[in-house]
Amino acid sequence: MAKIVKGETRGRPGKWILDFYGQDGKRHWETYDTQKEAKRELGKRLEEVRKGTYRPPTEMPTVATLAA
Protein backbone atom coordinates (compact mmCIF):
# COMPACT_ATOMS: atom_id res chain seq x y z
CA MET A 1 0.00 0.00 0.00
CA ALA A 2 1.26 3.44 -0.90
CA LYS A 3 -0.47 6.79 -0.95
CA ILE A 4 0.04 10.53 -1.00
CA VAL A 5 -1.74 12.48 1.73
CA LYS A 6 -2.17 16.22 2.27
CA GLY A 7 -0.06 17.33 5.21
CA GLU A 8 -2.98 18.95 7.02
CA THR A 9 -4.33 15.52 7.92
CA ARG A 10 -1.04 14.56 9.61
CA GLY A 11 -0.05 17.83 11.29
CA ARG A 12 2.19 19.07 8.43
CA PRO A 13 0.26 21.99 6.89
CA GLY A 14 1.38 23.03 3.41
CA LYS A 15 3.22 19.75 2.78
CA TRP A 16 2.48 16.46 1.00
CA ILE A 17 3.24 13.15 2.70
CA LEU A 18 4.31 10.00 0.91
CA ASP A 19 3.15 7.02 2.99
CA PHE A 20 4.33 3.54 1.98
CA TYR A 21 5.61 0.16 3.21
CA GLY A 22 9.17 -0.96 2.46
CA GLN A 23 10.20 -4.47 1.45
CA ASP A 24 10.81 -5.18 5.15
CA GLY A 25 7.11 -4.58 5.84
CA LYS A 26 7.77 -1.42 7.89
CA ARG A 27 5.82 1.75 7.26
CA HIS A 28 7.73 4.81 6.00
CA TRP A 29 6.80 8.48 5.58
CA GLU A 30 8.50 11.13 3.50
CA THR A 31 7.46 14.79 3.33
CA TYR A 32 7.54 16.95 0.18
CA ASP A 33 6.67 20.54 -0.65
CA THR A 34 4.51 19.84 -3.72
CA GLN A 35 2.11 17.12 -4.80
CA LYS A 36 3.96 16.79 -8.11
CA GLU A 37 7.24 16.11 -6.32
CA ALA A 38 5.55 13.55 -4.04
CA LYS A 39 4.04 11.73 -7.04
CA ARG A 40 7.42 11.58 -8.79
CA GLU A 41 9.10 10.17 -5.67
CA LEU A 42 6.27 7.68 -5.13
CA GLY A 43 7.08 6.08 -8.48
CA LYS A 44 10.75 5.86 -7.54
CA ARG A 45 10.06 4.39 -4.09
CA LEU A 46 7.64 1.77 -5.42
CA GLU A 47 10.22 0.68 -8.01
CA GLU A 48 12.94 0.46 -5.32
CA VAL A 49 10.66 -1.60 -3.06
CA ARG A 50 9.70 -3.88 -5.96
CA LYS A 51 13.38 -4.48 -6.79
CA GLY A 52 14.30 -4.87 -3.11
CA THR A 53 16.81 -2.00 -3.22
CA TYR A 54 14.99 0.52 -0.98
CA ARG A 55 16.96 1.62 2.09
CA PRO A 56 15.50 4.20 4.45
CA PRO A 57 17.71 7.25 5.11
CA THR A 58 18.32 6.10 8.69
CA GLU A 59 20.07 2.97 7.38
CA MET A 60 22.31 4.83 4.94
CA PRO A 61 25.96 5.28 6.00
CA THR A 62 26.97 8.77 7.09
CA VAL A 63 29.84 10.77 5.65
CA ALA A 64 31.73 10.34 8.94
CA THR A 65 31.54 6.53 8.69
CA LEU A 66 32.60 6.54 5.06
CA ALA A 67 35.55 8.87 5.74
CA ALA A 68 36.87 6.75 8.62
C-alpha atoms as a PDB file:
ATOM      1  CA  MET A   1       0.000   0.000   0.000  1.00  0.00           C
ATOM      2  CA  ALA A   2       1.264   3.445  -0.901  1.00  0.00           C
ATOM      3  CA  LYS A   3      -0.472   6.794  -0.945  1.00  0.00           C
ATOM      4  CA  ILE A   4       0.035  10.528  -1.004  1.00  0.00           C
ATOM      5  CA  VAL A   5      -1.741  12.475   1.730  1.00  0.00           C
ATOM      6  CA  LYS A   6      -2.169  16.216   2.275  1.00  0.00           C
ATOM      7  CA  GLY A   7      -0.057  17.326   5.214  1.00  0.00           C
ATOM      8  CA  GLU A   8      -2.981  18.953   7.025  1.00  0.00           C
ATOM      9  CA  THR A   9      -4.328  15.516   7.925  1.00  0.00           C
ATOM     10  CA  ARG A  10      -1.044  14.563   9.609  1.00  0.00           C
ATOM     11  CA  GLY A  11      -0.052  17.826  11.286  1.00  0.00           C
ATOM     12  CA  ARG A  12       2.187  19.070   8.430  1.00  0.00           C
ATOM     13  CA  PRO A  13       0.262  21.995   6.892  1.00  0.00           C
ATOM     14  CA  GLY A  14       1.380  23.032   3.413  1.00  0.00           C
ATOM     15  CA  LYS A  15       3.224  19.750   2.776  1.00  0.00           C
ATOM     16  CA  TRP A  16       2.484  16.464   1.002  1.00  0.00           C
ATOM     17  CA  ILE A  17       3.237  13.152   2.700  1.00  0.00           C
ATOM     18  CA  LEU A  18       4.308   9.996   0.907  1.00  0.00           C
ATOM     19  CA  ASP A  19       3.150   7.021   2.992  1.00  0.00           C
ATOM     20  CA  PHE A  20       4.333   3.541   1.977  1.00  0.00           C
ATOM     21  CA  TYR A  21       5.610   0.164   3.211  1.00  0.00           C
ATOM     22  CA  GLY A  22       9.168  -0.959   2.459  1.00  0.00           C
ATOM     23  CA  GLN A  23      10.200  -4.472   1.448  1.00  0.00           C
ATOM     24  CA  ASP A  24      10.810  -5.177   5.146  1.00  0.00           C
ATOM     25  CA  GLY A  25       7.108  -4.578   5.844  1.00  0.00           C
ATOM     26  CA  LYS A  26       7.771  -1.425   7.886  1.00  0.00           C
ATOM     27  CA  ARG A  27       5.824   1.755   7.255  1.00  0.00           C
ATOM     28  CA  HIS A  28       7.730   4.810   5.997  1.00  0.00           C
ATOM     29  CA  TRP A  29       6.799   8.478   5.576  1.00  0.00           C
ATOM     30  CA  GLU A  30       8.502  11.130   3.502  1.00  0.00           C
ATOM     31  CA  THR A  31       7.461  14.791   3.333  1.00  0.00           C
ATOM     32  CA  TYR A  32       7.539  16.946   0.176  1.00  0.00           C
ATOM     33  CA  ASP A  33       6.666  20.545  -0.653  1.00  0.00           C
ATOM     34  CA  THR A  34       4.505  19.836  -3.725  1.00  0.00           C
ATOM     35  CA  GLN A  35       2.115  17.118  -4.800  1.00  0.00           C
ATOM     36  CA  LYS A  36       3.962  16.790  -8.112  1.00  0.00           C
ATOM     37  CA  GLU A  37       7.241  16.109  -6.320  1.00  0.00           C
ATOM     38  CA  ALA A  38       5.549  13.552  -4.042  1.00  0.00           C
ATOM     39  CA  LYS A  39       4.040  11.726  -7.044  1.00  0.00           C
ATOM     40  CA  ARG A  40       7.420  11.578  -8.789  1.00  0.00           C
ATOM     41  CA  GLU A  41       9.105  10.172  -5.673  1.00  0.00           C
ATOM     42  CA  LEU A  42       6.273   7.682  -5.134  1.00  0.00           C
ATOM     43  CA  GLY A  43       7.075   6.080  -8.480  1.00  0.00           C
ATOM     44  CA  LYS A  44      10.754   5.858  -7.544  1.00  0.00           C
ATOM     45  CA  ARG A  45      10.059   4.389  -4.090  1.00  0.00           C
ATOM     46  CA  LEU A  46       7.637   1.767  -5.423  1.00  0.00           C
ATOM     47  CA  GLU A  47      10.224   0.680  -8.006  1.00  0.00           C
ATOM     48  CA  GLU A  48      12.940   0.459  -5.324  1.00  0.00           C
ATOM     49  CA  VAL A  49      10.660  -1.604  -3.059  1.00  0.00           C
ATOM     50  CA  ARG A  50       9.704  -3.877  -5.960  1.00  0.00           C
ATOM     51  CA  LYS A  51      13.384  -4.482  -6.793  1.00  0.00           C
ATOM     52  CA  GLY A  52      14.296  -4.866  -3.109  1.00  0.00           C
ATOM     53  CA  THR A  53      16.806  -1.996  -3.216  1.00  0.00           C
ATOM     54  CA  TYR A  54      14.991   0.524  -0.983  1.00  0.00           C
ATOM     55  CA  ARG A  55      16.956   1.615   2.093  1.00  0.00           C
ATOM     56  CA  PRO A  56      15.498   4.202   4.453  1.00  0.00           C
ATOM     57  CA  PRO A  57      17.707   7.252   5.105  1.00  0.00           C
ATOM     58  CA  THR A  58      18.320   6.103   8.690  1.00  0.00           C
ATOM     59  CA  GLU A  59      20.066   2.968   7.378  1.00  0.00           C
ATOM     60  CA  MET A  60      22.312   4.830   4.945  1.00  0.00           C
ATOM     61  CA  PRO A  61      25.960   5.277   5.996  1.00  0.00           C
ATOM     62  CA  THR A  62      26.965   8.766   7.086  1.00  0.00           C
ATOM     63  CA  VAL A  63      29.838  10.766   5.653  1.00  0.00           C
ATOM     64  CA  ALA A  64      31.735  10.344   8.935  1.00  0.00           C
ATOM     65  CA  THR A  65      31.541   6.532   8.687  1.00  0.00           C
ATOM     66  CA  LEU A  66      32.601   6.541   5.056  1.00  0.00           C
ATOM     67  CA  ALA A  67      35.552   8.869   5.740  1.00  0.00           C
ATOM     68  CA  ALA A  68      36.869   6.753   8.621  1.00  0.00           C
END
